[in-house]
Amino acid sequence: MLVTNLQSSRTVMMNKDRPSLMQRKFMQFFAEQDASEGHTSSQCLADPSHSYWTPEPFQKQYCFFYGTLMDPPALARMLQLSEPPTMRPAKVIGYHIKLWGPYPALLVGPPLHPVDGLAYEVQSQEQLDRLSAYETSKYRIKACIIKLPSENGDEEERVRGIVFIWNGESEELREGNFTLE
């Protein structure tokens, strides 16, 4: 009986310091998924209740816009900027657009299909939080490669960035084109 109690005490002590086997399998699965999309595990498995979670500091990054936020005054109002932001013509490859009511929704595929838009370099975590709140839970952030035309027009610059893609039900979408007008 004493041996059994000692063994169960050791097991409990070990489990306090280490995630369960099931948690480790989930962590490994999501870390592999995130790595394939350019994320780190702390970005998508952000659970501050575990001692192994370390938030990453904010880094400036381009965000690709393909809808209403392509309008600089609208983006300035939403981000609470004193003047319209500098935005660059941009495109992402391997996506297409459908409509959610009057709003565009970006979806993955077909592989070589381009979507034109504008890119803005997000300056702070506060700006990123404002963008996320504006986009609602119907959209989620996805890492992407953004193509920006070079200053001299010869070659495109490719930068790692983010985009908000559709996170709702596919039945909510319809075919159509979006224009800023």
N, C-alpha and C. Protein backbone atom coordinates (compact mmCIF):
# COMPACT_ATOMS: atom_id res chain seq x y z
N MET A 1 0.82 -1.19 0.00
CA MET A 1 0.00 0.00 0.00
C MET A 1 0.86 1.25 0.00
N LEU A 2 1.92 1.29 0.81
CA LEU A 2 2.80 2.43 0.87
C LEU A 2 3.51 2.65 -0.47
N VAL A 3 3.93 1.57 -1.14
CA VAL A 3 4.59 1.67 -2.43
C VAL A 3 3.63 2.28 -3.45
N THR A 4 2.39 1.83 -3.45
CA THR A 4 1.39 2.35 -4.38
C THR A 4 1.17 3.85 -4.15
N ASN A 5 1.07 4.27 -2.90
CA ASN A 5 0.87 5.69 -2.61
C ASN A 5 2.08 6.53 -3.05
N LEU A 6 3.29 6.00 -2.86
CA LEU A 6 4.47 6.72 -3.29
C LEU A 6 4.51 6.86 -4.80
N GLN A 7 4.14 5.77 -5.50
CA GLN A 7 4.13 5.83 -6.96
C GLN A 7 3.09 6.82 -7.46
N SER A 8 1.90 6.83 -6.87
CA SER A 8 0.88 7.78 -7.32
C SER A 8 1.27 9.20 -6.97
N SER A 9 1.97 9.41 -5.86
CA SER A 9 2.44 10.76 -5.51
C SER A 9 3.47 11.25 -6.52
N ARG A 10 4.37 10.36 -6.94
CA ARG A 10 5.36 10.72 -7.95
C ARG A 10 4.67 11.09 -9.26
N THR A 11 3.67 10.30 -9.63
CA THR A 11 2.95 10.56 -10.88
C THR A 11 2.28 11.92 -10.82
N VAL A 12 1.63 12.24 -9.72
CA VAL A 12 0.96 13.53 -9.57
C VAL A 12 2.00 14.65 -9.63
N MET A 13 3.14 14.48 -8.96
CA MET A 13 4.17 15.51 -8.98
C MET A 13 4.73 15.71 -10.39
N MET A 14 4.92 14.62 -11.13
CA MET A 14 5.44 14.74 -12.48
C MET A 14 4.42 15.44 -13.38
N ASN A 15 3.15 15.15 -13.21
CA ASN A 15 2.12 15.73 -14.06
C ASN A 15 1.92 17.22 -13.82
N LYS A 16 2.26 17.70 -12.62
CA LYS A 16 2.14 19.13 -12.36
C LYS A 16 3.14 19.92 -13.19
N ASP A 17 4.31 19.36 -13.43
CA ASP A 17 5.37 20.06 -14.12
C ASP A 17 5.35 19.84 -15.62
N ARG A 18 4.59 18.90 -16.09
CA ARG A 18 4.66 18.51 -17.49
C ARG A 18 3.25 18.31 -18.03
N PRO A 19 2.96 18.79 -19.24
CA PRO A 19 1.63 18.56 -19.82
C PRO A 19 1.38 17.06 -20.00
N SER A 20 0.12 16.67 -19.97
CA SER A 20 -0.23 15.27 -20.17
C SER A 20 0.15 14.83 -21.57
N LEU A 21 0.16 13.54 -21.80
CA LEU A 21 0.48 12.98 -23.11
C LEU A 21 -0.46 13.55 -24.17
N MET A 22 -1.74 13.63 -23.87
CA MET A 22 -2.71 14.16 -24.82
C MET A 22 -2.41 15.63 -25.13
N GLN A 23 -2.10 16.43 -24.10
CA GLN A 23 -1.75 17.83 -24.32
C GLN A 23 -0.50 17.94 -25.19
N ARG A 24 0.50 17.10 -24.93
CA ARG A 24 1.73 17.14 -25.72
C ARG A 24 1.45 16.78 -27.18
N LYS A 25 0.56 15.82 -27.41
CA LYS A 25 0.21 15.44 -28.79
C LYS A 25 -0.50 16.59 -29.50
N PHE A 26 -1.44 17.25 -28.80
CA PHE A 26 -2.11 18.41 -29.39
C PHE A 26 -1.11 19.52 -29.68
N MET A 27 -0.21 19.76 -28.74
CA MET A 27 0.79 20.82 -28.92
C MET A 27 1.67 20.51 -30.13
N GLN A 28 2.08 19.25 -30.27
CA GLN A 28 2.92 18.87 -31.40
C GLN A 28 2.16 19.04 -32.70
N PHE A 29 0.90 18.59 -32.75
CA PHE A 29 0.09 18.69 -33.95
C PHE A 29 -0.05 20.16 -34.38
N PHE A 30 -0.44 21.03 -33.43
CA PHE A 30 -0.66 22.43 -33.78
C PHE A 30 0.66 23.13 -34.11
N ALA A 31 1.73 22.76 -33.44
CA ALA A 31 3.03 23.35 -33.76
C ALA A 31 3.43 23.01 -35.19
N GLU A 32 3.18 21.77 -35.62
CA GLU A 32 3.48 21.36 -36.99
C GLU A 32 2.60 22.12 -37.98
N GLN A 33 1.31 22.27 -37.66
CA GLN A 33 0.39 23.02 -38.51
C GLN A 33 0.85 24.47 -38.63
N ASP A 34 1.19 25.07 -37.51
CA ASP A 34 1.60 26.47 -37.50
C ASP A 34 2.91 26.66 -38.25
N ALA A 35 3.83 25.73 -38.09
CA ALA A 35 5.11 25.85 -38.78
C ALA A 35 4.90 25.84 -40.29
N SER A 36 3.93 25.05 -40.77
CA SER A 36 3.67 25.01 -42.20
C SER A 36 3.05 26.30 -42.69
N GLU A 37 2.45 27.11 -41.78
CA GLU A 37 1.85 28.40 -42.16
C GLU A 37 2.73 29.57 -41.74
N GLY A 38 3.91 29.30 -41.19
CA GLY A 38 4.82 30.36 -40.82
C GLY A 38 4.61 30.92 -39.42
N HIS A 39 3.80 30.25 -38.60
CA HIS A 39 3.58 30.70 -37.23
C HIS A 39 4.52 29.96 -36.29
N THR A 40 4.66 30.48 -35.09
CA THR A 40 5.34 29.74 -34.03
C THR A 40 4.29 29.24 -33.07
N SER A 41 4.61 28.24 -32.30
CA SER A 41 3.62 27.63 -31.42
C SER A 41 3.06 28.62 -30.42
N SER A 42 3.84 29.58 -29.97
CA SER A 42 3.32 30.52 -28.97
C SER A 42 2.28 31.45 -29.57
N GLN A 43 2.29 31.66 -30.89
CA GLN A 43 1.28 32.53 -31.49
C GLN A 43 -0.09 31.86 -31.49
N CYS A 44 -0.14 30.57 -31.70
CA CYS A 44 -1.43 29.90 -31.85
C CYS A 44 -1.80 29.05 -30.65
N LEU A 45 -0.87 28.72 -29.81
CA LEU A 45 -1.18 27.94 -28.62
C LEU A 45 -1.00 28.82 -27.39
N ALA A 46 -1.32 30.08 -27.55
CA ALA A 46 -1.10 31.04 -26.48
C ALA A 46 -2.01 30.76 -25.29
N ASP A 47 -1.48 30.09 -24.30
CA ASP A 47 -2.24 29.77 -23.09
C ASP A 47 -1.40 30.20 -21.90
N PRO A 48 -1.67 31.40 -21.37
CA PRO A 48 -0.83 31.91 -20.30
C PRO A 48 -0.90 31.14 -19.01
N SER A 49 -1.82 30.18 -18.87
CA SER A 49 -1.91 29.42 -17.64
C SER A 49 -0.80 28.37 -17.53
N HIS A 50 -0.09 28.11 -18.63
CA HIS A 50 1.00 27.14 -18.61
C HIS A 50 2.33 27.88 -18.55
N SER A 51 3.24 27.35 -17.77
CA SER A 51 4.52 28.01 -17.59
C SER A 51 5.38 27.96 -18.84
N TYR A 52 5.08 27.09 -19.82
CA TYR A 52 5.90 26.97 -21.00
C TYR A 52 5.53 28.00 -22.06
N TRP A 53 4.47 28.77 -21.86
CA TRP A 53 4.03 29.76 -22.84
C TRP A 53 4.80 31.05 -22.65
N THR A 54 5.39 31.53 -23.72
CA THR A 54 6.08 32.81 -23.69
C THR A 54 5.58 33.63 -24.86
N PRO A 55 4.92 34.77 -24.59
CA PRO A 55 4.43 35.58 -25.71
C PRO A 55 5.60 36.18 -26.48
N GLU A 56 5.41 36.28 -27.78
CA GLU A 56 6.45 36.87 -28.60
C GLU A 56 6.23 38.38 -28.65
N PRO A 57 7.29 39.16 -28.65
CA PRO A 57 7.12 40.61 -28.75
C PRO A 57 6.59 40.97 -30.13
N PHE A 58 5.83 42.04 -30.19
CA PHE A 58 5.27 42.49 -31.46
C PHE A 58 6.40 42.90 -32.40
N GLN A 59 6.24 42.55 -33.66
CA GLN A 59 7.16 43.00 -34.70
C GLN A 59 6.33 43.62 -35.81
N LYS A 60 6.79 44.75 -36.34
CA LYS A 60 6.10 45.36 -37.46
C LYS A 60 6.00 44.35 -38.59
N GLN A 61 4.84 44.33 -39.26
CA GLN A 61 4.66 43.43 -40.39
C GLN A 61 3.60 43.98 -41.31
N TYR A 62 3.70 43.62 -42.57
CA TYR A 62 2.71 44.07 -43.54
C TYR A 62 1.43 43.26 -43.37
N CYS A 63 0.31 43.95 -43.55
CA CYS A 63 -0.99 43.32 -43.58
C CYS A 63 -1.58 43.60 -44.96
N PHE A 64 -2.08 42.57 -45.61
CA PHE A 64 -2.67 42.68 -46.94
C PHE A 64 -4.15 42.96 -46.81
N PHE A 65 -4.63 44.01 -47.49
CA PHE A 65 -6.04 44.37 -47.48
C PHE A 65 -6.62 44.20 -48.88
N TYR A 66 -7.82 43.66 -48.95
CA TYR A 66 -8.48 43.39 -50.22
C TYR A 66 -9.94 43.87 -50.22
N GLY A 67 -10.34 44.59 -49.18
CA GLY A 67 -11.73 45.02 -49.05
C GLY A 67 -11.84 46.47 -48.64
N THR A 68 -12.75 46.74 -47.74
CA THR A 68 -13.06 48.12 -47.35
C THR A 68 -11.87 48.85 -46.74
N LEU A 69 -10.94 48.13 -46.15
CA LEU A 69 -9.78 48.79 -45.53
C LEU A 69 -8.70 49.17 -46.55
N MET A 70 -8.96 48.93 -47.85
CA MET A 70 -8.05 49.45 -48.88
C MET A 70 -8.21 50.96 -49.00
N ASP A 71 -9.26 51.50 -48.44
CA ASP A 71 -9.51 52.94 -48.46
C ASP A 71 -8.69 53.58 -47.33
N PRO A 72 -7.62 54.35 -47.65
CA PRO A 72 -6.77 54.91 -46.60
C PRO A 72 -7.51 55.72 -45.53
N PRO A 73 -8.48 56.58 -45.88
CA PRO A 73 -9.21 57.30 -44.82
C PRO A 73 -9.99 56.34 -43.89
N ALA A 74 -10.55 55.28 -44.46
CA ALA A 74 -11.28 54.30 -43.63
C ALA A 74 -10.31 53.58 -42.69
N LEU A 75 -9.14 53.20 -43.21
CA LEU A 75 -8.15 52.54 -42.37
C LEU A 75 -7.65 53.49 -41.28
N ALA A 76 -7.45 54.76 -41.64
CA ALA A 76 -7.00 55.75 -40.66
C ALA A 76 -8.02 55.90 -39.53
N ARG A 77 -9.32 55.97 -39.87
CA ARG A 77 -10.36 56.08 -38.83
C ARG A 77 -10.35 54.86 -37.93
N MET A 78 -10.27 53.68 -38.54
CA MET A 78 -10.32 52.44 -37.76
C MET A 78 -9.11 52.30 -36.84
N LEU A 79 -7.93 52.70 -37.31
CA LEU A 79 -6.71 52.61 -36.50
C LEU A 79 -6.50 53.84 -35.63
N GLN A 80 -7.39 54.80 -35.74
CA GLN A 80 -7.31 56.07 -35.00
C GLN A 80 -6.00 56.80 -35.29
N LEU A 81 -5.68 56.91 -36.58
CA LEU A 81 -4.49 57.64 -37.02
C LEU A 81 -4.88 59.08 -37.33
N SER A 82 -3.96 60.00 -37.16
CA SER A 82 -4.24 61.41 -37.40
C SER A 82 -4.29 61.75 -38.89
N GLU A 83 -3.70 60.91 -39.73
CA GLU A 83 -3.72 61.13 -41.18
C GLU A 83 -3.77 59.78 -41.88
N PRO A 84 -4.20 59.76 -43.15
CA PRO A 84 -4.27 58.48 -43.88
C PRO A 84 -2.90 57.80 -43.94
N PRO A 85 -2.88 56.50 -43.78
CA PRO A 85 -1.61 55.76 -43.78
C PRO A 85 -1.05 55.61 -45.19
N THR A 86 0.24 55.36 -45.26
CA THR A 86 0.88 55.05 -46.53
C THR A 86 0.65 53.57 -46.81
N MET A 87 0.04 53.32 -47.96
CA MET A 87 -0.24 51.94 -48.36
C MET A 87 0.44 51.67 -49.69
N ARG A 88 0.79 50.40 -49.91
CA ARG A 88 1.48 50.03 -51.14
C ARG A 88 0.63 49.06 -51.94
N PRO A 89 0.62 49.20 -53.27
CA PRO A 89 -0.05 48.19 -54.09
C PRO A 89 0.58 46.83 -53.79
N ALA A 90 -0.25 45.80 -53.75
CA ALA A 90 0.25 44.48 -53.37
C ALA A 90 -0.64 43.40 -53.95
N LYS A 91 -0.16 42.18 -53.87
CA LYS A 91 -0.99 41.03 -54.24
C LYS A 91 -0.54 39.81 -53.47
N VAL A 92 -1.48 38.89 -53.31
CA VAL A 92 -1.18 37.58 -52.75
C VAL A 92 -1.56 36.54 -53.80
N ILE A 93 -0.86 35.44 -53.79
CA ILE A 93 -1.07 34.39 -54.79
C ILE A 93 -1.63 33.15 -54.09
N GLY A 94 -2.57 32.49 -54.75
CA GLY A 94 -3.12 31.25 -54.20
C GLY A 94 -4.38 31.47 -53.39
N TYR A 95 -5.09 32.55 -53.67
CA TYR A 95 -6.33 32.88 -52.97
C TYR A 95 -7.39 33.29 -53.98
N HIS A 96 -8.63 33.34 -53.54
CA HIS A 96 -9.71 33.91 -54.34
C HIS A 96 -10.72 34.56 -53.40
N ILE A 97 -11.58 35.38 -53.99
CA ILE A 97 -12.55 36.14 -53.20
C ILE A 97 -13.97 35.70 -53.52
N LYS A 98 -14.76 35.58 -52.47
CA LYS A 98 -16.21 35.44 -52.57
C LYS A 98 -16.78 36.59 -51.75
N LEU A 99 -18.09 36.73 -51.75
CA LEU A 99 -18.72 37.81 -51.01
C LEU A 99 -19.54 37.30 -49.84
N TRP A 100 -19.43 38.01 -48.74
CA TRP A 100 -20.26 37.81 -47.56
C TRP A 100 -21.12 39.06 -47.46
N GLY A 101 -22.33 38.98 -47.96
CA GLY A 101 -23.13 40.18 -48.11
C GLY A 101 -22.39 41.09 -49.08
N PRO A 102 -22.17 42.37 -48.73
CA PRO A 102 -21.42 43.27 -49.62
C PRO A 102 -19.90 43.20 -49.41
N TYR A 103 -19.45 42.41 -48.45
CA TYR A 103 -18.04 42.40 -48.06
C TYR A 103 -17.28 41.23 -48.68
N PRO A 104 -16.03 41.46 -49.07
CA PRO A 104 -15.23 40.37 -49.63
C PRO A 104 -14.72 39.44 -48.54
N ALA A 105 -14.60 38.19 -48.91
CA ALA A 105 -14.04 37.17 -48.01
C ALA A 105 -12.96 36.44 -48.79
N LEU A 106 -11.76 36.43 -48.26
CA LEU A 106 -10.63 35.78 -48.92
C LEU A 106 -10.58 34.31 -48.52
N LEU A 107 -10.43 33.46 -49.53
CA LEU A 107 -10.35 32.01 -49.32
C LEU A 107 -9.10 31.47 -49.98
N VAL A 108 -8.56 30.40 -49.45
CA VAL A 108 -7.37 29.76 -50.01
C VAL A 108 -7.74 29.06 -51.31
N GLY A 109 -6.86 29.16 -52.33
CA GLY A 109 -6.98 28.46 -53.61
C GLY A 109 -7.65 29.32 -54.66
N PRO A 110 -7.53 28.99 -55.90
CA PRO A 110 -6.64 28.01 -56.54
C PRO A 110 -5.16 28.43 -56.45
N PRO A 111 -4.27 27.46 -56.63
CA PRO A 111 -2.84 27.66 -56.33
C PRO A 111 -2.16 28.90 -56.91
N LEU A 112 -2.34 29.22 -58.17
CA LEU A 112 -1.60 30.33 -58.77
C LEU A 112 -2.46 31.58 -58.98
N HIS A 113 -3.65 31.59 -58.45
CA HIS A 113 -4.57 32.71 -58.66
C HIS A 113 -4.16 33.92 -57.83
N PRO A 114 -4.00 35.10 -58.48
CA PRO A 114 -3.61 36.31 -57.73
C PRO A 114 -4.84 37.08 -57.24
N VAL A 115 -4.68 37.75 -56.11
CA VAL A 115 -5.68 38.69 -55.61
C VAL A 115 -4.94 40.00 -55.37
N ASP A 116 -5.44 41.06 -56.00
CA ASP A 116 -4.83 42.38 -55.86
C ASP A 116 -5.41 43.12 -54.67
N GLY A 117 -4.58 43.96 -54.07
CA GLY A 117 -5.03 44.76 -52.94
C GLY A 117 -3.96 45.77 -52.58
N LEU A 118 -3.96 46.16 -51.31
CA LEU A 118 -2.98 47.10 -50.79
C LEU A 118 -2.39 46.54 -49.51
N ALA A 119 -1.16 46.93 -49.21
CA ALA A 119 -0.49 46.48 -47.99
C ALA A 119 -0.14 47.69 -47.14
N TYR A 120 -0.27 47.50 -45.84
CA TYR A 120 0.09 48.52 -44.86
C TYR A 120 0.95 47.85 -43.80
N GLU A 121 2.01 48.52 -43.39
CA GLU A 121 2.88 47.97 -42.35
C GLU A 121 2.27 48.30 -40.98
N VAL A 122 1.76 47.28 -40.29
CA VAL A 122 1.15 47.43 -38.98
C VAL A 122 2.25 47.82 -38.00
N GLN A 123 2.02 48.92 -37.26
CA GLN A 123 3.06 49.53 -36.44
C GLN A 123 3.09 49.08 -34.99
N SER A 124 1.98 48.52 -34.48
CA SER A 124 1.94 48.19 -33.05
C SER A 124 0.96 47.06 -32.78
N GLN A 125 1.07 46.47 -31.61
CA GLN A 125 0.13 45.44 -31.19
C GLN A 125 -1.27 46.04 -31.09
N GLU A 126 -1.36 47.29 -30.65
CA GLU A 126 -2.65 47.97 -30.55
C GLU A 126 -3.33 48.05 -31.92
N GLN A 127 -2.56 48.36 -32.97
CA GLN A 127 -3.13 48.41 -34.31
C GLN A 127 -3.61 47.03 -34.75
N LEU A 128 -2.81 46.01 -34.47
CA LEU A 128 -3.21 44.64 -34.83
C LEU A 128 -4.47 44.24 -34.07
N ASP A 129 -4.57 44.61 -32.80
CA ASP A 129 -5.77 44.31 -32.01
C ASP A 129 -6.99 45.03 -32.59
N ARG A 130 -6.82 46.28 -33.03
CA ARG A 130 -7.93 47.02 -33.65
C ARG A 130 -8.39 46.34 -34.94
N LEU A 131 -7.42 45.90 -35.74
CA LEU A 131 -7.76 45.19 -36.98
C LEU A 131 -8.54 43.92 -36.68
N SER A 132 -8.08 43.15 -35.71
CA SER A 132 -8.76 41.90 -35.35
C SER A 132 -10.18 42.16 -34.87
N ALA A 133 -10.37 43.19 -34.07
CA ALA A 133 -11.70 43.53 -33.57
C ALA A 133 -12.60 43.96 -34.73
N TYR A 134 -12.07 44.74 -35.65
CA TYR A 134 -12.84 45.20 -36.81
C TYR A 134 -13.29 44.03 -37.68
N GLU A 135 -12.40 43.08 -37.88
CA GLU A 135 -12.70 41.95 -38.77
C GLU A 135 -13.66 40.94 -38.15
N THR A 136 -13.86 40.97 -36.86
CA THR A 136 -14.76 40.05 -36.13
C THR A 136 -14.27 38.61 -36.22
N SER A 137 -15.01 37.71 -35.62
CA SER A 137 -14.64 36.29 -35.62
C SER A 137 -14.91 35.63 -36.97
N LYS A 138 -15.53 36.35 -37.90
CA LYS A 138 -15.78 35.81 -39.24
C LYS A 138 -14.49 35.71 -40.06
N TYR A 139 -13.45 36.37 -39.59
CA TYR A 139 -12.15 36.34 -40.28
C TYR A 139 -11.07 35.97 -39.27
N ARG A 140 -10.03 35.32 -39.76
CA ARG A 140 -8.90 34.97 -38.90
C ARG A 140 -7.61 35.37 -39.60
N ILE A 141 -6.59 35.60 -38.78
CA ILE A 141 -5.29 35.99 -39.32
C ILE A 141 -4.57 34.75 -39.86
N LYS A 142 -3.97 34.93 -41.03
CA LYS A 142 -3.17 33.86 -41.62
C LYS A 142 -1.86 34.47 -42.12
N ALA A 143 -0.77 33.80 -41.87
CA ALA A 143 0.52 34.23 -42.41
C ALA A 143 0.49 34.04 -43.92
N CYS A 144 1.14 34.94 -44.63
CA CYS A 144 1.16 34.84 -46.09
C CYS A 144 2.41 35.52 -46.64
N ILE A 145 2.62 35.32 -47.92
CA ILE A 145 3.68 36.04 -48.63
C ILE A 145 2.97 37.12 -49.45
N ILE A 146 3.40 38.36 -49.29
CA ILE A 146 2.81 39.48 -50.00
C ILE A 146 3.81 39.95 -51.05
N LYS A 147 3.33 40.11 -52.27
CA LYS A 147 4.18 40.62 -53.35
C LYS A 147 3.94 42.12 -53.47
N LEU A 148 5.04 42.87 -53.41
CA LEU A 148 5.00 44.33 -53.53
C LEU A 148 5.82 44.72 -54.75
N PRO A 149 5.28 45.58 -55.62
CA PRO A 149 6.10 46.01 -56.76
C PRO A 149 7.31 46.80 -56.27
N SER A 150 8.43 46.64 -56.95
CA SER A 150 9.63 47.38 -56.55
C SER A 150 9.50 48.83 -56.98
N GLU A 151 10.32 49.66 -56.40
CA GLU A 151 10.31 51.08 -56.71
C GLU A 151 10.62 51.35 -58.19
N ASN A 152 11.55 50.56 -58.77
CA ASN A 152 11.94 50.79 -60.16
C ASN A 152 11.07 50.02 -61.15
N GLY A 153 10.15 49.19 -60.66
CA GLY A 153 9.23 48.47 -61.53
C GLY A 153 9.80 47.22 -62.16
N ASP A 154 11.07 46.90 -61.88
CA ASP A 154 11.69 45.73 -62.50
C ASP A 154 11.23 44.41 -61.87
N GLU A 155 11.31 44.33 -60.57
CA GLU A 155 11.12 43.05 -59.89
C GLU A 155 10.20 43.24 -58.68
N GLU A 156 9.42 42.23 -58.37
CA GLU A 156 8.55 42.30 -57.20
C GLU A 156 9.33 41.92 -55.94
N GLU A 157 9.03 42.63 -54.88
CA GLU A 157 9.60 42.29 -53.58
C GLU A 157 8.60 41.37 -52.89
N ARG A 158 9.09 40.32 -52.26
CA ARG A 158 8.23 39.40 -51.52
C ARG A 158 8.52 39.57 -50.04
N VAL A 159 7.46 39.79 -49.26
CA VAL A 159 7.63 39.96 -47.82
C VAL A 159 6.66 39.04 -47.09
N ARG A 160 7.09 38.58 -45.92
CA ARG A 160 6.19 37.81 -45.07
C ARG A 160 5.25 38.78 -44.40
N GLY A 161 3.99 38.42 -44.37
CA GLY A 161 3.00 39.29 -43.77
C GLY A 161 1.82 38.49 -43.27
N ILE A 162 0.72 39.21 -43.08
CA ILE A 162 -0.51 38.57 -42.62
C ILE A 162 -1.67 39.05 -43.48
N VAL A 163 -2.73 38.27 -43.43
CA VAL A 163 -3.96 38.62 -44.12
C VAL A 163 -5.11 38.05 -43.29
N PHE A 164 -6.26 38.68 -43.37
CA PHE A 164 -7.45 38.15 -42.70
C PHE A 164 -8.23 37.33 -43.72
N ILE A 165 -8.36 36.02 -43.46
CA ILE A 165 -9.10 35.15 -44.37
C ILE A 165 -10.42 34.74 -43.72
N TRP A 166 -11.33 34.24 -44.54
CA TRP A 166 -12.66 33.86 -44.09
C TRP A 166 -12.58 32.76 -43.05
N ASN A 167 -13.37 32.92 -41.98
CA ASN A 167 -13.39 31.97 -40.88
C ASN A 167 -14.82 31.50 -40.59
N GLY A 168 -15.76 31.89 -41.45
CA GLY A 168 -17.16 31.53 -41.25
C GLY A 168 -17.53 30.29 -42.04
N GLU A 169 -18.82 30.07 -42.17
CA GLU A 169 -19.35 28.93 -42.92
C GLU A 169 -19.36 29.24 -44.41
N SER A 170 -19.01 28.26 -45.24
CA SER A 170 -18.97 28.49 -46.68
C SER A 170 -20.36 28.78 -47.25
N GLU A 171 -21.41 28.32 -46.58
CA GLU A 171 -22.78 28.56 -47.05
C GLU A 171 -23.16 30.04 -46.97
N GLU A 172 -22.42 30.82 -46.18
CA GLU A 172 -22.71 32.24 -46.03
C GLU A 172 -22.16 33.07 -47.19
N LEU A 173 -21.37 32.46 -48.05
CA LEU A 173 -20.70 33.18 -49.13
C LEU A 173 -21.39 32.97 -50.47
N ARG A 174 -21.18 33.94 -51.36
CA ARG A 174 -21.70 33.82 -52.72
C ARG A 174 -20.65 34.33 -53.69
N GLU A 175 -20.80 33.96 -54.94
CA GLU A 175 -19.90 34.45 -55.99
C GLU A 175 -20.17 35.93 -56.21
N GLY A 176 -19.18 36.66 -56.63
CA GLY A 176 -19.35 38.07 -56.94
C GLY A 176 -18.03 38.80 -56.88
N ASN A 177 -18.06 40.07 -57.25
CA ASN A 177 -16.87 40.92 -57.25
C ASN A 177 -17.06 42.06 -56.27
N PHE A 178 -15.96 42.48 -55.66
CA PHE A 178 -15.98 43.59 -54.73
C PHE A 178 -15.31 44.80 -55.35
N THR A 179 -15.91 45.97 -55.19
CA THR A 179 -15.27 47.22 -55.57
C THR A 179 -15.41 48.18 -54.40
N LEU A 180 -14.46 49.07 -54.29
CA LEU A 180 -14.49 50.05 -53.21
C LEU A 180 -15.58 51.10 -53.40
N GLU A 181 -16.01 51.32 -54.61
CA GLU A 181 -17.05 52.34 -54.83
C GLU A 181 -18.25 51.94 -54.11
